[in-house]
Amino acid sequence: MPKIRTNRGAHKRFRVTGSGKIKRKKAYASHILTSKSSKRKRKLRKSTIVSGADARRVKRMLGM
């Protein structure tokens, strides 16, 4: 059986935490920032955990 290849796009966007959860960056933080409030932009800086519904799919893309 061949090894499962990692989806390179997913590999650049997601990280696995020590407990096995998947970390991701938040969307909408790259451009047209003048119309967004400082509070909203500050919250977008932080990373978050991938939801349970999507985690299985992301893990498969990462070859886990």
N, C-alpha and C. Protein backbone atom coordinates (compact mmCIF):
# COMPACT_ATOMS: atom_id res chain seq x y z
N MET A 1 0.84 -1.20 0.00
CA MET A 1 0.00 0.00 0.00
C MET A 1 0.88 1.25 0.00
N PRO A 2 0.59 2.20 -0.89
CA PRO A 2 1.35 3.45 -0.86
C PRO A 2 0.93 4.32 0.31
N LYS A 3 1.81 5.24 0.70
CA LYS A 3 1.49 6.18 1.77
C LYS A 3 0.50 7.22 1.24
N ILE A 4 -0.30 7.79 2.13
CA ILE A 4 -1.22 8.86 1.74
C ILE A 4 -0.42 10.15 1.62
N ARG A 5 -0.58 10.86 0.52
CA ARG A 5 0.14 12.11 0.34
C ARG A 5 -0.58 13.24 1.07
N THR A 6 0.20 14.11 1.66
CA THR A 6 -0.35 15.27 2.36
C THR A 6 -0.84 16.28 1.33
N ASN A 7 -2.01 16.86 1.57
CA ASN A 7 -2.49 17.96 0.74
C ASN A 7 -1.65 19.18 1.11
N ARG A 8 -0.84 19.67 0.17
CA ARG A 8 0.13 20.71 0.49
C ARG A 8 -0.54 22.03 0.87
N GLY A 9 -1.70 22.32 0.30
CA GLY A 9 -2.44 23.53 0.66
C GLY A 9 -2.91 23.47 2.10
N ALA A 10 -3.40 22.30 2.51
CA ALA A 10 -3.87 22.11 3.89
C ALA A 10 -2.69 22.16 4.86
N HIS A 11 -1.56 21.61 4.45
CA HIS A 11 -0.37 21.56 5.30
C HIS A 11 0.10 22.97 5.67
N LYS A 12 -0.07 23.92 4.75
CA LYS A 12 0.35 25.30 4.99
C LYS A 12 -0.65 26.06 5.87
N ARG A 13 -1.89 25.61 5.91
CA ARG A 13 -2.94 26.36 6.59
C ARG A 13 -3.30 25.85 7.98
N PHE A 14 -2.98 24.60 8.27
CA PHE A 14 -3.40 24.00 9.54
C PHE A 14 -2.22 23.47 10.33
N ARG A 15 -2.34 23.49 11.67
CA ARG A 15 -1.35 22.91 12.57
C ARG A 15 -2.07 22.01 13.57
N VAL A 16 -1.41 20.94 13.98
CA VAL A 16 -2.00 20.03 14.95
C VAL A 16 -1.46 20.38 16.33
N THR A 17 -2.36 20.52 17.31
CA THR A 17 -1.95 20.83 18.68
C THR A 17 -1.49 19.56 19.37
N GLY A 18 -0.96 19.71 20.56
CA GLY A 18 -0.49 18.55 21.32
C GLY A 18 -1.59 17.57 21.66
N SER A 19 -2.81 18.08 21.84
CA SER A 19 -3.93 17.20 22.19
C SER A 19 -4.62 16.62 20.95
N GLY A 20 -4.11 16.96 19.76
CA GLY A 20 -4.66 16.37 18.53
C GLY A 20 -5.70 17.22 17.84
N LYS A 21 -6.00 18.40 18.38
CA LYS A 21 -6.95 19.28 17.72
C LYS A 21 -6.25 20.01 16.58
N ILE A 22 -7.05 20.57 15.66
CA ILE A 22 -6.48 21.26 14.51
C ILE A 22 -6.66 22.76 14.67
N LYS A 23 -5.55 23.50 14.56
CA LYS A 23 -5.59 24.96 14.68
C LYS A 23 -5.65 25.58 13.30
N ARG A 24 -6.36 26.71 13.18
CA ARG A 24 -6.43 27.43 11.92
C ARG A 24 -6.46 28.92 12.17
N LYS A 25 -6.15 29.70 11.14
CA LYS A 25 -6.25 31.15 11.23
C LYS A 25 -7.66 31.56 10.86
N LYS A 26 -8.08 32.74 11.30
CA LYS A 26 -9.42 33.23 10.97
C LYS A 26 -9.41 33.91 9.61
N ALA A 27 -10.54 33.88 8.94
CA ALA A 27 -10.68 34.50 7.62
C ALA A 27 -11.01 35.98 7.77
N TYR A 28 -11.01 36.70 6.66
CA TYR A 28 -11.40 38.13 6.56
C TYR A 28 -10.41 39.07 7.24
N ALA A 29 -9.13 38.70 7.31
CA ALA A 29 -8.16 39.57 7.99
C ALA A 29 -7.09 40.11 7.05
N SER A 30 -7.27 39.93 5.74
CA SER A 30 -6.18 40.27 4.83
C SER A 30 -6.32 41.61 4.11
N HIS A 31 -7.52 42.00 3.71
CA HIS A 31 -7.64 43.28 2.99
C HIS A 31 -9.00 43.95 3.28
N ILE A 32 -9.16 45.16 2.79
CA ILE A 32 -10.31 46.03 3.09
C ILE A 32 -10.48 46.17 4.60
N LEU A 33 -9.38 46.52 5.26
CA LEU A 33 -9.39 46.58 6.73
C LEU A 33 -9.89 47.92 7.26
N THR A 34 -10.00 48.93 6.39
CA THR A 34 -10.44 50.25 6.85
C THR A 34 -11.89 50.23 7.31
N SER A 35 -12.70 49.36 6.70
CA SER A 35 -14.12 49.31 7.06
C SER A 35 -14.40 48.44 8.27
N LYS A 36 -13.38 47.73 8.77
CA LYS A 36 -13.56 46.86 9.94
C LYS A 36 -13.09 47.59 11.19
N SER A 37 -13.78 47.35 12.29
CA SER A 37 -13.44 48.02 13.54
C SER A 37 -12.15 47.42 14.12
N SER A 38 -11.50 48.20 14.98
CA SER A 38 -10.26 47.74 15.62
C SER A 38 -10.51 46.48 16.43
N LYS A 39 -11.65 46.43 17.10
CA LYS A 39 -12.01 45.27 17.92
C LYS A 39 -12.11 44.02 17.05
N ARG A 40 -12.76 44.17 15.90
CA ARG A 40 -12.94 43.04 15.00
C ARG A 40 -11.59 42.56 14.44
N LYS A 41 -10.73 43.52 14.04
CA LYS A 41 -9.42 43.17 13.50
C LYS A 41 -8.54 42.49 14.55
N ARG A 42 -8.64 42.95 15.79
CA ARG A 42 -7.88 42.36 16.89
C ARG A 42 -8.31 40.92 17.12
N LYS A 43 -9.61 40.66 17.06
CA LYS A 43 -10.11 39.30 17.26
C LYS A 43 -9.72 38.38 16.11
N LEU A 44 -9.58 38.94 14.90
CA LEU A 44 -9.20 38.14 13.74
C LEU A 44 -7.74 37.69 13.79
N ARG A 45 -6.92 38.37 14.59
CA ARG A 45 -5.50 38.01 14.68
C ARG A 45 -5.30 36.64 15.34
N LYS A 46 -6.17 36.30 16.27
CA LYS A 46 -5.99 35.06 17.02
C LYS A 46 -6.36 33.84 16.18
N SER A 47 -5.70 32.74 16.47
CA SER A 47 -6.05 31.50 15.79
C SER A 47 -7.18 30.81 16.56
N THR A 48 -7.80 29.83 15.93
CA THR A 48 -8.92 29.14 16.55
C THR A 48 -8.85 27.66 16.19
N ILE A 49 -9.72 26.88 16.77
CA ILE A 49 -9.74 25.43 16.54
C ILE A 49 -10.76 25.11 15.45
N VAL A 50 -10.43 24.18 14.56
CA VAL A 50 -11.34 23.74 13.51
C VAL A 50 -12.52 23.02 14.17
N SER A 51 -13.72 23.26 13.67
CA SER A 51 -14.92 22.63 14.25
C SER A 51 -14.87 21.11 14.07
N GLY A 52 -15.59 20.42 14.93
CA GLY A 52 -15.61 18.96 14.90
C GLY A 52 -16.10 18.40 13.59
N ALA A 53 -17.05 19.11 12.97
CA ALA A 53 -17.62 18.65 11.70
C ALA A 53 -16.58 18.63 10.59
N ASP A 54 -15.63 19.57 10.64
CA ASP A 54 -14.61 19.67 9.59
C ASP A 54 -13.30 19.00 9.96
N ALA A 55 -13.09 18.72 11.23
CA ALA A 55 -11.80 18.21 11.71
C ALA A 55 -11.43 16.89 11.04
N ARG A 56 -12.40 16.01 10.85
CA ARG A 56 -12.13 14.69 10.27
C ARG A 56 -11.61 14.84 8.83
N ARG A 57 -12.25 15.75 8.09
CA ARG A 57 -11.85 16.00 6.70
C ARG A 57 -10.44 16.60 6.62
N VAL A 58 -10.15 17.54 7.52
CA VAL A 58 -8.84 18.20 7.54
C VAL A 58 -7.75 17.19 7.92
N LYS A 59 -8.03 16.34 8.90
CA LYS A 59 -7.06 15.33 9.31
C LYS A 59 -6.71 14.40 8.14
N ARG A 60 -7.72 14.07 7.35
CA ARG A 60 -7.49 13.21 6.19
C ARG A 60 -6.59 13.91 5.18
N MET A 61 -6.81 15.22 5.00
CA MET A 61 -5.97 15.98 4.07
C MET A 61 -4.53 16.06 4.56
N LEU A 62 -4.35 16.05 5.89
CA LEU A 62 -3.02 16.13 6.47
C LEU A 62 -2.34 14.76 6.55
N GLY A 63 -3.04 13.72 6.10
CA GLY A 63 -2.47 12.39 6.08
C GLY A 63 -2.43 11.72 7.44
N MET A 64 -3.39 12.09 8.29
CA MET A 64 -3.44 11.52 9.65
C MET A 64 -4.40 10.35 9.70
